[in-house]
Amino acid sequence: MRSPITFNVRRGERIALLEFELARPLSPKDLKTISPPDPVRERFADRILIISGRGPIWLYGFLLEYYHPVKAVAFYDPRLNAGVVVASHTPSCEVGELVYVPEELWRA
């Protein structure tokens, strides 16, 4: 059975961009079957992670908890053209800070 969600991770020097796309509308029970890219195994836990995609708010909550090991998590806001930091484990990145995605990560 095809996964209801696909993920694509692009790594930069300071940030990683995680884009997701839904194959169909999700239901809460789908959370049990979702396997996002592992930040430790895929070597991006040492970066600020910007998550981008259209999905339900509870999916974003799931991803925030899943990506707890990364340096900081930001959610991309197209109105700001930046990620908004919502969780951080480093003094170099504060909650509420805007993080801009380098052009090369959008094109990669």
N, C-alpha and C. Protein backbone atom coordinates (compact mmCIF):
# COMPACT_ATOMS: atom_id res chain seq x y z
N MET A 1 0.83 -1.18 0.00
CA MET A 1 0.00 0.00 0.00
C MET A 1 0.88 1.25 0.00
N ARG A 2 0.56 2.19 -0.85
CA ARG A 2 1.34 3.42 -0.98
C ARG A 2 1.16 4.29 0.26
N SER A 3 2.25 4.89 0.70
CA SER A 3 2.19 5.79 1.86
C SER A 3 1.32 6.99 1.53
N PRO A 4 0.55 7.46 2.51
CA PRO A 4 -0.31 8.63 2.25
C PRO A 4 0.46 9.95 2.20
N ILE A 5 1.75 9.88 2.50
CA ILE A 5 2.55 11.10 2.54
C ILE A 5 3.97 10.79 2.04
N THR A 6 4.52 11.71 1.26
CA THR A 6 5.91 11.57 0.83
C THR A 6 6.72 12.72 1.41
N PHE A 7 7.95 12.42 1.75
CA PHE A 7 8.85 13.40 2.34
C PHE A 7 10.07 13.58 1.45
N ASN A 8 10.60 14.80 1.44
CA ASN A 8 11.84 15.09 0.73
C ASN A 8 12.67 16.00 1.63
N VAL A 9 13.90 15.57 1.93
CA VAL A 9 14.79 16.36 2.77
C VAL A 9 15.93 16.89 1.93
N ARG A 10 16.19 18.19 2.07
CA ARG A 10 17.36 18.81 1.44
C ARG A 10 18.18 19.44 2.55
N ARG A 11 19.49 19.21 2.50
CA ARG A 11 20.38 19.68 3.55
C ARG A 11 21.24 20.84 3.08
N GLY A 12 21.30 21.87 3.91
CA GLY A 12 22.23 22.96 3.71
C GLY A 12 23.24 22.93 4.83
N GLU A 13 24.09 23.91 4.87
CA GLU A 13 25.13 23.95 5.91
C GLU A 13 24.54 24.15 7.30
N ARG A 14 23.57 25.05 7.41
CA ARG A 14 23.01 25.41 8.70
C ARG A 14 21.59 24.88 8.91
N ILE A 15 20.88 24.67 7.81
CA ILE A 15 19.48 24.23 7.91
C ILE A 15 19.23 23.01 7.04
N ALA A 16 18.11 22.35 7.34
CA ALA A 16 17.59 21.28 6.48
C ALA A 16 16.14 21.65 6.18
N LEU A 17 15.72 21.38 4.97
CA LEU A 17 14.36 21.66 4.55
C LEU A 17 13.65 20.33 4.35
N LEU A 18 12.57 20.12 5.08
CA LEU A 18 11.75 18.93 4.93
C LEU A 18 10.44 19.35 4.28
N GLU A 19 10.23 18.90 3.06
CA GLU A 19 8.97 19.17 2.38
C GLU A 19 8.16 17.88 2.36
N PHE A 20 6.86 18.02 2.58
CA PHE A 20 6.00 16.85 2.50
C PHE A 20 4.84 17.13 1.57
N GLU A 21 4.29 16.05 1.01
CA GLU A 21 3.14 16.16 0.13
C GLU A 21 2.20 14.99 0.44
N LEU A 22 0.93 15.30 0.55
CA LEU A 22 -0.08 14.29 0.84
C LEU A 22 -0.57 13.67 -0.47
N ALA A 23 -0.65 12.34 -0.50
CA ALA A 23 -1.18 11.63 -1.67
C ALA A 23 -2.71 11.64 -1.65
N ARG A 24 -3.26 11.82 -0.47
CA ARG A 24 -4.71 11.86 -0.28
C ARG A 24 -4.97 12.54 1.06
N PRO A 25 -6.21 12.90 1.34
CA PRO A 25 -6.50 13.47 2.66
C PRO A 25 -6.16 12.45 3.76
N LEU A 26 -5.55 12.93 4.82
CA LEU A 26 -5.18 12.06 5.93
C LEU A 26 -6.31 11.93 6.93
N SER A 27 -6.28 10.84 7.67
CA SER A 27 -7.13 10.71 8.84
C SER A 27 -6.19 10.51 10.02
N PRO A 28 -6.63 10.81 11.24
CA PRO A 28 -5.73 10.65 12.39
C PRO A 28 -5.10 9.27 12.50
N LYS A 29 -5.81 8.22 12.10
CA LYS A 29 -5.25 6.86 12.20
C LYS A 29 -4.03 6.69 11.30
N ASP A 30 -3.87 7.53 10.28
CA ASP A 30 -2.71 7.45 9.39
C ASP A 30 -1.40 7.75 10.14
N LEU A 31 -1.48 8.46 11.25
CA LEU A 31 -0.25 8.79 11.99
C LEU A 31 0.51 7.53 12.40
N LYS A 32 -0.19 6.43 12.61
CA LYS A 32 0.46 5.17 12.99
C LYS A 32 1.31 4.59 11.87
N THR A 33 1.04 5.00 10.63
CA THR A 33 1.74 4.41 9.49
C THR A 33 2.77 5.34 8.86
N ILE A 34 2.84 6.56 9.32
CA ILE A 34 3.75 7.55 8.73
C ILE A 34 5.17 7.33 9.25
N SER A 35 6.13 7.30 8.34
CA SER A 35 7.55 7.13 8.71
C SER A 35 8.36 8.30 8.14
N PRO A 36 8.44 9.41 8.88
CA PRO A 36 9.25 10.54 8.40
C PRO A 36 10.73 10.17 8.37
N PRO A 37 11.53 10.89 7.59
CA PRO A 37 12.98 10.65 7.58
C PRO A 37 13.57 10.84 8.99
N ASP A 38 14.42 9.91 9.37
CA ASP A 38 15.05 9.95 10.69
C ASP A 38 16.19 10.97 10.70
N PRO A 39 16.15 11.97 11.58
CA PRO A 39 17.17 13.03 11.55
C PRO A 39 18.56 12.56 11.99
N VAL A 40 18.62 11.54 12.81
CA VAL A 40 19.92 11.03 13.26
C VAL A 40 20.54 10.16 12.18
N ARG A 41 19.78 9.18 11.69
CA ARG A 41 20.30 8.29 10.65
C ARG A 41 20.62 9.03 9.36
N GLU A 42 19.81 10.05 9.04
CA GLU A 42 20.03 10.78 7.79
C GLU A 42 20.88 12.04 7.99
N ARG A 43 21.42 12.19 9.17
CA ARG A 43 22.43 13.20 9.50
C ARG A 43 22.00 14.65 9.26
N PHE A 44 20.82 15.00 9.82
CA PHE A 44 20.46 16.41 9.81
C PHE A 44 19.99 16.90 11.18
N ALA A 45 20.25 16.11 12.22
CA ALA A 45 19.86 16.50 13.58
C ALA A 45 20.64 17.71 14.08
N ASP A 46 21.78 17.99 13.48
CA ASP A 46 22.62 19.11 13.92
C ASP A 46 22.25 20.42 13.22
N ARG A 47 21.12 20.43 12.53
CA ARG A 47 20.69 21.63 11.78
C ARG A 47 19.33 22.12 12.27
N ILE A 48 18.99 23.33 11.86
CA ILE A 48 17.65 23.84 12.06
C ILE A 48 16.79 23.20 10.97
N LEU A 49 15.70 22.57 11.36
CA LEU A 49 14.82 21.91 10.40
C LEU A 49 13.63 22.81 10.10
N ILE A 50 13.43 23.12 8.83
CA ILE A 50 12.25 23.87 8.39
C ILE A 50 11.31 22.88 7.73
N ILE A 51 10.09 22.80 8.24
CA ILE A 51 9.09 21.88 7.71
C ILE A 51 8.12 22.67 6.84
N SER A 52 7.88 22.16 5.63
CA SER A 52 7.01 22.84 4.68
C SER A 52 6.08 21.84 4.02
N GLY A 53 4.81 22.18 3.94
CA GLY A 53 3.83 21.33 3.27
C GLY A 53 2.44 21.69 3.74
N ARG A 54 1.45 21.24 2.98
CA ARG A 54 0.05 21.50 3.34
C ARG A 54 -0.52 20.26 3.98
N GLY A 55 -0.92 20.40 5.23
CA GLY A 55 -1.48 19.27 5.96
C GLY A 55 -2.24 19.75 7.18
N PRO A 56 -2.93 18.83 7.84
CA PRO A 56 -3.70 19.20 9.03
C PRO A 56 -2.79 19.62 10.19
N ILE A 57 -3.33 20.43 11.06
CA ILE A 57 -2.56 20.95 12.19
C ILE A 57 -2.01 19.81 13.06
N TRP A 58 -2.77 18.73 13.21
CA TRP A 58 -2.30 17.63 14.04
C TRP A 58 -1.13 16.89 13.40
N LEU A 59 -0.99 16.96 12.09
CA LEU A 59 0.21 16.40 11.44
C LEU A 59 1.43 17.23 11.82
N TYR A 60 1.27 18.54 11.86
CA TYR A 60 2.38 19.41 12.27
C TYR A 60 2.77 19.13 13.73
N GLY A 61 1.78 18.88 14.58
CA GLY A 61 2.09 18.52 15.97
C GLY A 61 2.87 17.22 16.06
N PHE A 62 2.48 16.25 15.26
CA PHE A 62 3.17 14.97 15.20
C PHE A 62 4.62 15.16 14.75
N LEU A 63 4.80 15.95 13.69
CA LEU A 63 6.15 16.18 13.17
C LEU A 63 7.02 16.97 14.15
N LEU A 64 6.43 17.91 14.86
CA LEU A 64 7.19 18.66 15.88
C LEU A 64 7.72 17.71 16.94
N GLU A 65 6.90 16.81 17.42
CA GLU A 65 7.33 15.84 18.43
C GLU A 65 8.35 14.87 17.84
N TYR A 66 8.12 14.39 16.64
CA TYR A 66 9.02 13.44 16.00
C TYR A 66 10.42 14.04 15.84
N TYR A 67 10.48 15.32 15.49
CA TYR A 67 11.77 15.96 15.23
C TYR A 67 12.35 16.66 16.45
N HIS A 68 11.94 16.23 17.63
CA HIS A 68 12.51 16.77 18.87
C HIS A 68 14.04 16.70 18.91
N PRO A 69 14.68 15.67 18.34
CA PRO A 69 16.15 15.58 18.43
C PRO A 69 16.92 16.66 17.64
N VAL A 70 16.29 17.36 16.71
CA VAL A 70 17.05 18.31 15.90
C VAL A 70 17.38 19.57 16.70
N LYS A 71 18.31 20.33 16.17
CA LYS A 71 18.77 21.57 16.82
C LYS A 71 17.62 22.54 17.09
N ALA A 72 16.76 22.73 16.09
CA ALA A 72 15.59 23.58 16.21
C ALA A 72 14.61 23.20 15.10
N VAL A 73 13.32 23.45 15.35
CA VAL A 73 12.28 23.18 14.35
C VAL A 73 11.58 24.49 14.01
N ALA A 74 11.40 24.71 12.72
CA ALA A 74 10.66 25.88 12.23
C ALA A 74 9.61 25.39 11.25
N PHE A 75 8.49 26.08 11.19
CA PHE A 75 7.44 25.79 10.22
C PHE A 75 7.47 26.89 9.18
N TYR A 76 7.50 26.49 7.92
CA TYR A 76 7.55 27.46 6.83
C TYR A 76 6.22 28.19 6.70
N ASP A 77 6.29 29.51 6.59
CA ASP A 77 5.11 30.35 6.38
C ASP A 77 5.31 31.10 5.08
N PRO A 78 4.55 30.75 4.03
CA PRO A 78 4.75 31.41 2.73
C PRO A 78 4.47 32.91 2.76
N ARG A 79 3.64 33.36 3.68
CA ARG A 79 3.36 34.80 3.77
C ARG A 79 4.60 35.57 4.23
N LEU A 80 5.44 34.90 5.02
CA LEU A 80 6.67 35.52 5.50
C LEU A 80 7.87 35.11 4.65
N ASN A 81 7.69 34.12 3.79
CA ASN A 81 8.77 33.56 2.99
C ASN A 81 9.94 33.11 3.88
N ALA A 82 9.58 32.52 5.03
CA ALA A 82 10.59 32.10 6.00
C ALA A 82 9.98 31.04 6.91
N GLY A 83 10.86 30.32 7.59
CA GLY A 83 10.43 29.40 8.63
C GLY A 83 10.36 30.14 9.95
N VAL A 84 9.35 29.85 10.74
CA VAL A 84 9.20 30.44 12.07
C VAL A 84 9.61 29.39 13.08
N VAL A 85 10.63 29.67 13.88
CA VAL A 85 11.13 28.72 14.87
C VAL A 85 10.07 28.53 15.95
N VAL A 86 9.67 27.26 16.16
CA VAL A 86 8.66 26.94 17.17
C VAL A 86 9.24 26.13 18.33
N ALA A 87 10.44 25.59 18.16
CA ALA A 87 11.12 24.85 19.22
C ALA A 87 12.62 24.93 18.97
N SER A 88 13.39 25.12 20.04
CA SER A 88 14.84 25.23 19.89
C SER A 88 15.56 24.60 21.07
N HIS A 89 16.70 23.99 20.77
CA HIS A 89 17.57 23.42 21.80
C HIS A 89 18.93 24.07 21.79
N THR A 90 19.01 25.27 21.24
CA THR A 90 20.30 25.96 21.14
C THR A 90 20.10 27.45 21.37
N PRO A 91 21.03 28.08 22.07
CA PRO A 91 20.91 29.53 22.29
C PRO A 91 21.12 30.34 21.00
N SER A 92 21.64 29.71 19.97
CA SER A 92 21.89 30.44 18.72
C SER A 92 20.62 30.59 17.86
N CYS A 93 19.52 30.02 18.31
CA CYS A 93 18.27 30.08 17.55
C CYS A 93 17.12 30.17 18.54
N GLU A 94 16.38 31.28 18.49
CA GLU A 94 15.32 31.51 19.47
C GLU A 94 13.93 31.26 18.89
N VAL A 95 13.02 30.81 19.75
CA VAL A 95 11.63 30.65 19.35
C VAL A 95 11.11 32.00 18.86
N GLY A 96 10.41 31.96 17.73
CA GLY A 96 9.89 33.18 17.12
C GLY A 96 10.81 33.78 16.07
N GLU A 97 12.03 33.30 16.01
CA GLU A 97 13.00 33.79 15.02
C GLU A 97 12.58 33.33 13.62
N LEU A 98 12.83 34.17 12.63
CA LEU A 98 12.59 33.79 11.24
C LEU A 98 13.86 33.21 10.64
N VAL A 99 13.72 32.10 9.94
CA VAL A 99 14.85 31.44 9.30
C VAL A 99 14.53 31.35 7.81
N TYR A 100 15.38 31.94 7.00
CA TYR A 100 15.15 31.98 5.55
C TYR A 100 15.80 30.78 4.88
N VAL A 101 15.09 30.23 3.92
CA VAL A 101 15.57 29.05 3.19
C VAL A 101 16.47 29.53 2.07
N PRO A 102 17.73 29.07 2.04
CA PRO A 102 18.61 29.45 0.92
C PRO A 102 18.01 28.99 -0.40
N GLU A 103 18.16 29.80 -1.42
CA GLU A 103 17.59 29.53 -2.74
C GLU A 103 17.98 28.14 -3.26
N GLU A 104 19.22 27.72 -3.02
CA GLU A 104 19.67 26.43 -3.55
C GLU A 104 18.91 25.25 -2.95
N LEU A 105 18.36 25.39 -1.76
CA LEU A 105 17.59 24.29 -1.18
C LEU A 105 16.21 24.16 -1.83
N TRP A 106 15.62 25.26 -2.25
CA TRP A 106 14.34 25.19 -2.95
C TRP A 106 14.52 24.54 -4.32
N ARG A 107 15.67 24.75 -4.94
CA ARG A 107 15.89 24.24 -6.30
C ARG A 107 16.46 22.84 -6.33
N ALA A 108 17.02 22.38 -5.23
CA ALA A 108 17.71 21.08 -5.22
C ALA A 108 16.77 19.92 -5.49
